[in-house]
Amino acid sequence: MSATFLNSFLSHITSQQTTYSLSAESIYDWESNQWLVPVQTAVSQLVMFGSQPVQFTGGARYYAEAAKSDPEWGFTLFGYLVVP
């Protein structure tokens, strides 16, 4: 496979440990001359369970450019244990 990957993002973290982010992970497949351009937005919150920090993230993804068989929208939910 011959492809080019471009990743751009913008994030803002508040004093309450909330992160707002916007990103685009563009992939161009040189063999099929096809772009895949998902644009993602997400909100993350850092919380403490006792002394263990945990980050929860939720977001949405819109495919600005994709193959006809690819989805148009997607959603994500994650939980991460943060190891200091």
Protein backbone atom coordinates (compact mmCIF):
# COMPACT_ATOMS: atom_id res chain seq x y z
CA MET A 1 0.00 0.00 0.00
CA SER A 2 1.26 3.46 -0.87
CA ALA A 3 -0.38 6.12 1.29
CA THR A 4 0.14 9.55 2.82
CA PHE A 5 -1.07 10.24 6.37
CA LEU A 6 -1.69 13.80 7.63
CA ASN A 7 -2.78 14.49 11.21
CA SER A 8 -3.84 17.88 12.53
CA PHE A 9 -5.45 18.70 15.86
CA LEU A 10 -6.48 21.52 18.15
CA SER A 11 -7.04 21.04 21.89
CA HIS A 12 -7.94 23.24 24.83
CA ILE A 13 -7.69 22.16 28.49
CA THR A 14 -9.65 24.08 31.13
CA SER A 15 -8.68 24.60 34.76
CA GLN A 16 -11.29 21.93 35.68
CA GLN A 17 -9.27 19.31 33.68
CA THR A 18 -11.79 19.22 30.81
CA THR A 19 -10.28 18.91 27.34
CA TYR A 20 -12.04 19.99 24.14
CA SER A 21 -10.47 18.77 20.92
CA LEU A 22 -10.95 18.90 17.16
CA SER A 23 -8.87 16.78 14.80
CA ALA A 24 -8.61 15.49 11.25
CA GLU A 25 -6.65 12.38 10.25
CA SER A 26 -6.43 12.52 6.47
CA ILE A 27 -5.21 9.51 4.50
CA TYR A 28 -4.61 9.47 0.75
CA ASP A 29 -4.27 6.08 -0.96
CA TRP A 30 -2.07 6.62 -4.01
CA GLU A 31 -2.98 3.28 -5.57
CA SER A 32 -6.75 3.85 -5.59
CA ASN A 33 -6.60 7.69 -5.71
CA GLN A 34 -8.97 7.82 -2.72
CA TRP A 35 -9.06 10.18 0.27
CA LEU A 36 -10.28 9.22 3.75
CA VAL A 37 -10.88 12.37 5.81
CA PRO A 38 -12.54 11.85 9.20
CA VAL A 39 -13.10 15.03 11.21
CA GLN A 40 -13.42 14.35 14.94
CA THR A 41 -14.56 16.34 17.93
CA ALA A 42 -14.27 15.12 21.51
CA VAL A 43 -14.65 16.14 25.14
CA SER A 44 -12.55 14.53 27.88
CA GLN A 45 -12.82 14.84 31.65
CA LEU A 46 -10.20 13.82 34.20
CA VAL A 47 -11.70 12.52 37.47
CA MET A 48 -10.25 10.93 40.58
CA PHE A 49 -11.38 7.62 42.09
CA GLY A 50 -9.59 7.79 45.42
CA SER A 51 -5.97 8.34 44.38
CA GLN A 52 -6.43 6.86 40.86
CA PRO A 53 -6.90 9.41 38.04
CA VAL A 54 -9.25 8.26 35.26
CA GLN A 55 -10.03 10.09 32.03
CA PHE A 56 -13.38 9.68 30.26
CA THR A 57 -13.74 10.73 26.63
CA GLY A 58 -16.73 10.98 24.31
CA GLY A 59 -16.78 12.21 20.76
CA ALA A 60 -18.25 12.20 17.29
CA ARG A 61 -16.64 11.61 13.92
CA TYR A 62 -17.84 12.82 10.53
CA TYR A 63 -16.27 11.51 7.33
CA ALA A 64 -15.84 14.57 5.11
CA GLU A 65 -14.40 12.34 2.37
CA ALA A 66 -14.57 8.55 2.17
CA ALA A 67 -15.36 5.62 -0.08
CA LYS A 68 -19.05 5.00 -0.71
CA SER A 69 -18.92 1.83 1.42
CA ASP A 70 -17.52 3.71 4.47
CA PRO A 71 -19.79 5.13 7.20
CA GLU A 72 -20.73 8.81 7.23
CA TRP A 73 -20.80 9.22 11.04
CA GLY A 74 -19.24 7.51 14.04
CA PHE A 75 -19.21 7.90 17.82
CA THR A 76 -16.62 7.03 20.47
CA LEU A 77 -16.64 6.52 24.23
CA PHE A 78 -13.46 5.69 26.16
CA GLY A 79 -12.21 5.36 29.71
CA TYR A 80 -8.48 5.46 30.51
CA LEU A 81 -6.56 4.70 33.68
CA VAL A 82 -3.91 7.39 34.00
CA VAL A 83 -0.60 6.13 35.36
CA PRO A 84 1.39 8.97 36.94
